[in-house]
Amino acid sequence: MSNALINPEYEALIKKHFTKSIPLTDHKFAALHYAVWSGGTFMYIPEGVEIDEPLQSYFRMNVKSGGQFEHTMIILEEGSKAHYIEGCSAPKYDENSLHA
């Protein structure tokens, strides 16, 4: 995990939760996912904060024979509330690609 991409204010929070949702040793694709992680979405909603409008992320794959391995990490503290929508799309190619 590159620290250049992480806001220092949330670094410890991300490190605490990063490999807990899917254990690294769960299966070979989980290990691959962590090895080639390419970004993603991080949401932190503090205690008691309610967000009424949906939050959304969208990922697009535009490379033939490529791979995209983003993590979505949403941390909702007690009494908080949010609605999250995630989408992904890619053009159709003759070569296989992997989105995990």
C-alpha atoms as a PDB file:
ATOM      1  CA  MET A   1       0.000   0.000   0.000  1.00  0.00           C
ATOM      2  CA  SER A   2       1.610   3.253  -1.118  1.00  0.00           C
ATOM      3  CA  ASN A   3       1.569   5.857   1.621  1.00  0.00           C
ATOM      4  CA  ALA A   4       1.716   8.607  -1.023  1.00  0.00           C
ATOM      5  CA  LEU A   5      -1.934   7.872  -1.836  1.00  0.00           C
ATOM      6  CA  ILE A   6      -3.204   7.736   1.732  1.00  0.00           C
ATOM      7  CA  ASN A   7      -4.241  10.763   3.766  1.00  0.00           C
ATOM      8  CA  PRO A   8      -2.084  10.479   6.920  1.00  0.00           C
ATOM      9  CA  GLU A   9      -5.155  11.276   9.031  1.00  0.00           C
ATOM     10  CA  TYR A  10      -6.753   7.938   8.006  1.00  0.00           C
ATOM     11  CA  GLU A  11      -3.687   5.740   7.473  1.00  0.00           C
ATOM     12  CA  ALA A  12      -4.034   3.793  10.748  1.00  0.00           C
ATOM     13  CA  LEU A  13      -7.767   3.278  10.162  1.00  0.00           C
ATOM     14  CA  ILE A  14      -7.154   1.881   6.671  1.00  0.00           C
ATOM     15  CA  LYS A  15      -4.342  -0.409   7.825  1.00  0.00           C
ATOM     16  CA  LYS A  16      -6.527  -1.724  10.657  1.00  0.00           C
ATOM     17  CA  HIS A  17      -9.329  -2.846   8.304  1.00  0.00           C
ATOM     18  CA  PHE A  18      -7.586  -3.450   4.946  1.00  0.00           C
ATOM     19  CA  THR A  19      -7.147  -7.249   5.062  1.00  0.00           C
ATOM     20  CA  LYS A  20      -9.991  -8.112   7.450  1.00  0.00           C
ATOM     21  CA  SER A  21     -12.960  -8.132   5.053  1.00  0.00           C
ATOM     22  CA  ILE A  22     -11.492 -10.927   2.912  1.00  0.00           C
ATOM     23  CA  PRO A  23      -8.553 -12.737   4.506  1.00  0.00           C
ATOM     24  CA  LEU A  24      -5.420 -12.800   2.377  1.00  0.00           C
ATOM     25  CA  THR A  25      -5.298 -16.592   2.767  1.00  0.00           C
ATOM     26  CA  ASP A  26      -8.959 -17.164   1.787  1.00  0.00           C
ATOM     27  CA  HIS A  27      -8.129 -18.392  -1.741  1.00  0.00           C
ATOM     28  CA  LYS A  28      -5.651 -17.761  -4.568  1.00  0.00           C
ATOM     29  CA  PHE A  29      -7.729 -14.938  -6.051  1.00  0.00           C
ATOM     30  CA  ALA A  30      -7.789 -13.085  -2.724  1.00  0.00           C
ATOM     31  CA  ALA A  31      -3.989 -13.318  -2.610  1.00  0.00           C
ATOM     32  CA  LEU A  32      -3.776 -12.103  -6.222  1.00  0.00           C
ATOM     33  CA  HIS A  33      -6.125  -9.240  -5.441  1.00  0.00           C
ATOM     34  CA  TYR A  34      -3.983  -7.974  -2.562  1.00  0.00           C
ATOM     35  CA  ALA A  35      -0.757  -8.462  -4.545  1.00  0.00           C
ATOM     36  CA  VAL A  36      -1.872  -6.319  -7.484  1.00  0.00           C
ATOM     37  CA  TRP A  37      -4.247  -3.878  -5.745  1.00  0.00           C
ATOM     38  CA  SER A  38      -4.733  -0.868  -8.020  1.00  0.00           C
ATOM     39  CA  GLY A  39      -6.763   1.622  -5.973  1.00  0.00           C
ATOM     40  CA  GLY A  40     -10.410   1.990  -5.080  1.00  0.00           C
ATOM     41  CA  THR A  41     -12.770   3.815  -2.762  1.00  0.00           C
ATOM     42  CA  PHE A  42     -12.416   4.657   0.921  1.00  0.00           C
ATOM     43  CA  MET A  43     -15.357   6.048   2.896  1.00  0.00           C
ATOM     44  CA  TYR A  44     -15.299   6.852   6.579  1.00  0.00           C
ATOM     45  CA  ILE A  45     -18.529   7.997   8.214  1.00  0.00           C
ATOM     46  CA  PRO A  46     -17.980   9.138  11.831  1.00  0.00           C
ATOM     47  CA  GLU A  47     -20.259   8.166  14.708  1.00  0.00           C
ATOM     48  CA  GLY A  48     -23.763   9.609  14.468  1.00  0.00           C
ATOM     49  CA  VAL A  49     -23.357  11.109  10.979  1.00  0.00           C
ATOM     50  CA  GLU A  50     -26.186  10.314   8.551  1.00  0.00           C
ATOM     51  CA  ILE A  51     -25.746  10.998   4.840  1.00  0.00           C
ATOM     52  CA  ASP A  52     -29.076  11.156   3.021  1.00  0.00           C
ATOM     53  CA  GLU A  53     -27.828  11.417  -0.566  1.00  0.00           C
ATOM     54  CA  PRO A  54     -26.377   8.227  -2.123  1.00  0.00           C
ATOM     55  CA  LEU A  55     -22.596   8.190  -2.542  1.00  0.00           C
ATOM     56  CA  GLN A  56     -21.286   6.616  -5.728  1.00  0.00           C
ATOM     57  CA  SER A  57     -18.084   5.289  -7.311  1.00  0.00           C
ATOM     58  CA  TYR A  58     -17.633   4.220 -10.901  1.00  0.00           C
ATOM     59  CA  PHE A  59     -14.747   2.203 -12.343  1.00  0.00           C
ATOM     60  CA  ARG A  60     -13.990   1.858 -16.047  1.00  0.00           C
ATOM     61  CA  MET A  61     -11.606  -0.629 -17.657  1.00  0.00           C
ATOM     62  CA  ASN A  62     -10.275   0.654 -20.987  1.00  0.00           C
ATOM     63  CA  VAL A  63      -7.353  -1.696 -21.664  1.00  0.00           C
ATOM     64  CA  LYS A  64      -7.319  -4.967 -23.602  1.00  0.00           C
ATOM     65  CA  SER A  65      -6.095  -7.980 -21.615  1.00  0.00           C
ATOM     66  CA  GLY A  66      -5.866  -5.850 -18.479  1.00  0.00           C
ATOM     67  CA  GLY A  67      -6.678  -6.277 -14.854  1.00  0.00           C
ATOM     68  CA  GLN A  68      -8.321  -4.010 -12.334  1.00  0.00           C
ATOM     69  CA  PHE A  69      -8.223  -4.812  -8.641  1.00  0.00           C
ATOM     70  CA  GLU A  70      -9.769  -2.069  -6.557  1.00  0.00           C
ATOM     71  CA  HIS A  71     -10.817  -2.253  -2.933  1.00  0.00           C
ATOM     72  CA  THR A  72     -13.961  -0.601  -1.635  1.00  0.00           C
ATOM     73  CA  MET A  73     -13.651   0.068   2.067  1.00  0.00           C
ATOM     74  CA  ILE A  74     -16.580   1.649   3.883  1.00  0.00           C
ATOM     75  CA  ILE A  75     -16.285   2.223   7.609  1.00  0.00           C
ATOM     76  CA  LEU A  76     -19.477   3.292   9.356  1.00  0.00           C
ATOM     77  CA  GLU A  77     -19.111   4.043  13.023  1.00  0.00           C
ATOM     78  CA  GLU A  78     -21.957   3.300  15.428  1.00  0.00           C
ATOM     79  CA  GLY A  79     -25.113   5.292  14.730  1.00  0.00           C
ATOM     80  CA  SER A  80     -23.945   6.462  11.295  1.00  0.00           C
ATOM     81  CA  LYS A  81     -25.809   5.870   8.043  1.00  0.00           C
ATOM     82  CA  ALA A  82     -24.952   6.029   4.328  1.00  0.00           C
ATOM     83  CA  HIS A  83     -26.057   4.544   1.001  1.00  0.00           C
ATOM     84  CA  TYR A  84     -23.340   3.522  -1.487  1.00  0.00           C
ATOM     85  CA  ILE A  85     -23.626   2.605  -5.174  1.00  0.00           C
ATOM     86  CA  GLU A  86     -20.736   1.181  -7.192  1.00  0.00           C
ATOM     87  CA  GLY A  87     -20.587   0.624 -10.926  1.00  0.00           C
ATOM     88  CA  CYS A  88     -18.091  -0.731 -13.415  1.00  0.00           C
ATOM     89  CA  SER A  89     -18.020  -1.024 -17.175  1.00  0.00           C
ATOM     90  CA  ALA A  90     -15.657  -1.923 -19.994  1.00  0.00           C
ATOM     91  CA  PRO A  91     -15.741  -2.120 -23.763  1.00  0.00           C
ATOM     92  CA  LYS A  92     -16.000  -5.589 -25.273  1.00  0.00           C
ATOM     93  CA  TYR A  93     -12.641  -6.953 -26.451  1.00  0.00           C
ATOM     94  CA  ASP A  94     -11.633 -10.301 -27.958  1.00  0.00           C
ATOM     95  CA  GLU A  95      -9.011 -10.767 -25.241  1.00  0.00           C
ATOM     96  CA  ASN A  96      -9.885 -11.684 -21.655  1.00  0.00           C
ATOM     97  CA  SER A  97      -9.529  -9.166 -18.841  1.00  0.00           C
ATOM     98  CA  LEU A  98     -10.018  -9.536 -15.097  1.00  0.00           C
ATOM     99  CA  HIS A  99     -11.898  -7.218 -12.764  1.00  0.00           C
ATOM    100  CA  ALA A 100     -11.791  -8.259  -9.120  1.00  0.00           C
END
